[in-house]
Structure formats: C-alpha cells, structure tokens
C-alpha cells in the first residue's frame, strides 16, 4: 500500500521532495527501490529485490531528479547497510 504521509503547515506542492511511486536509482544507474511514503525528513522506500525490504532514506541523502525519479549515492548493498532498520525482536517467554 502506497501512502503519502508528507504534511506541512503550508503543504506547498513544490516543497515535496519526491512522489509516492517514484523510482530510486543507485549510483551504478540501477533501480534499487520505489518510494512507498514521503515524510518531512525521510522517504520510506521498498527495495525491488526478493524479498522486498523497507529502507528509511534521510531527505538529505537523496537528490530529486524529478517527481518520479530519486537518486542516491549508494549501491543497493550500501543502501541496505546504511538505511535498513530491522524490527526489534520480541522476547519469547
């Protein structure tokens, strides 16, 4: 499910860093993810590999080429290492 969660008091269209559904391209020119949600300070993206993984990209780590194309200075593996936040494990009794 794609959700646009970006909200600001002014909510100017021009201030949006990217659009939900935008393609995230790595530094090797390969597609590494798709934007699932846009927040004020980060993008929630889902990788295109199997299994898909959620990454949390800080806004200052992306370059918006257009509303439908976002660039990051990282390969898919580097992006995973930098921006993947695994769920905390639940203690089993």
Protein backbone atom coordinates (compact mmCIF):
# COMPACT_ATOMS: atom_id res chain seq x y z
CA UNK A 1 0.00 0.00 0.00
CA UNK A 2 1.43 3.37 -1.00
CA UNK A 3 0.83 6.25 1.37
CA UNK A 4 1.77 9.92 1.09
CA UNK A 5 2.32 10.98 4.70
CA UNK A 6 4.06 14.29 3.97
CA UNK A 7 2.36 17.12 5.76
CA UNK A 8 3.48 20.64 6.48
CA UNK A 9 1.56 23.66 7.73
CA UNK A 10 1.74 25.24 4.27
CA UNK A 11 1.72 21.95 2.32
CA UNK A 12 3.21 23.53 -0.79
CA UNK A 13 3.40 21.11 -3.71
CA UNK A 14 6.85 22.45 -4.63
CA UNK A 15 8.29 21.54 -1.22
CA UNK A 16 7.69 17.81 -1.70
CA UNK A 17 10.99 16.01 -2.14
CA UNK A 18 9.56 13.16 -4.25
CA UNK A 19 6.31 11.44 -5.12
CA UNK A 20 4.95 8.15 -3.88
CA UNK A 21 5.77 5.59 -6.55
CA UNK A 22 8.97 7.36 -7.64
CA UNK A 23 11.88 5.14 -8.67
CA UNK A 24 15.01 5.26 -6.50
CA UNK A 25 18.18 4.86 -8.56
CA UNK A 26 21.56 3.88 -7.12
CA UNK A 27 24.97 5.27 -8.00
CA UNK A 28 25.54 2.48 -10.54
CA UNK A 29 22.48 3.51 -12.54
CA UNK A 30 20.36 0.62 -11.31
CA UNK A 31 16.86 0.79 -9.87
CA UNK A 32 17.08 -0.15 -6.20
CA UNK A 33 13.71 0.82 -4.72
CA UNK A 34 10.35 2.52 -5.07
CA UNK A 35 9.08 5.29 -2.77
CA UNK A 36 6.26 3.99 -0.53
CA UNK A 37 5.76 7.07 1.65
CA UNK A 38 7.08 10.62 1.85
CA UNK A 39 7.68 12.19 5.26
CA UNK A 40 9.09 15.56 6.25
CA UNK A 41 12.61 14.28 6.98
CA UNK A 42 12.83 10.91 5.23
CA UNK A 43 11.49 8.69 2.48
CA UNK A 44 10.20 5.21 3.20
CA UNK A 45 11.19 3.08 0.22
CA UNK A 46 10.79 -0.60 -0.63
CA UNK A 47 13.60 -2.41 -2.40
CA UNK A 48 12.90 -4.17 -5.69
CA UNK A 49 14.71 -7.39 -4.73
CA UNK A 50 13.27 -10.55 -3.26
CA UNK A 51 12.35 -10.31 -0.52
CA UNK A 52 11.45 -6.62 -0.62
CA UNK A 53 12.93 -4.66 2.29
CA UNK A 54 11.92 -1.28 3.72
CA UNK A 55 14.62 1.39 3.83
CA UNK A 56 14.40 4.77 5.54
CA UNK A 57 16.26 7.31 3.40
CA UNK A 58 17.01 10.67 5.04
CA UNK A 59 15.94 13.57 2.83
CA UNK A 60 19.48 14.97 2.88
CA UNK A 61 20.80 11.70 1.37
CA UNK A 62 18.69 11.90 -1.80
CA UNK A 63 18.79 14.01 -4.94
CA UNK A 64 15.41 14.50 -6.57
CA UNK A 65 15.87 14.42 -10.32
CA UNK A 66 12.11 14.64 -10.91
CA UNK A 67 8.92 13.80 -9.03
CA UNK A 68 9.22 10.25 -10.38
CA UNK A 69 13.00 9.71 -10.09
CA UNK A 70 15.18 9.95 -6.99
CA UNK A 71 18.95 9.39 -6.90
CA UNK A 72 21.09 8.15 -4.01
CA UNK A 73 24.87 7.97 -3.86
CA UNK A 74 24.93 4.29 -2.91
CA UNK A 75 24.64 0.86 -4.48
CA UNK A 76 21.79 -1.43 -3.42
CA UNK A 77 24.04 -3.17 -0.87
CA UNK A 78 25.33 0.13 0.54
CA UNK A 79 21.77 1.47 0.79
CA UNK A 80 20.75 -1.61 2.75
CA UNK A 81 23.68 -1.24 5.14
CA UNK A 82 23.06 2.49 5.70
CA UNK A 83 19.30 2.76 5.84
CA UNK A 84 17.72 -0.59 6.78
CA UNK A 85 16.17 -0.57 10.24
CA UNK A 86 15.16 -4.11 11.21
CA UNK A 87 12.26 -4.63 13.56
CA UNK A 88 13.28 -5.20 17.15
CA UNK A 89 12.92 -8.81 18.14
CA UNK A 90 10.28 -9.70 20.68
CA UNK A 91 11.39 -11.63 23.71
CA UNK A 92 9.77 -15.06 23.81
CA UNK A 93 8.75 -16.47 27.14
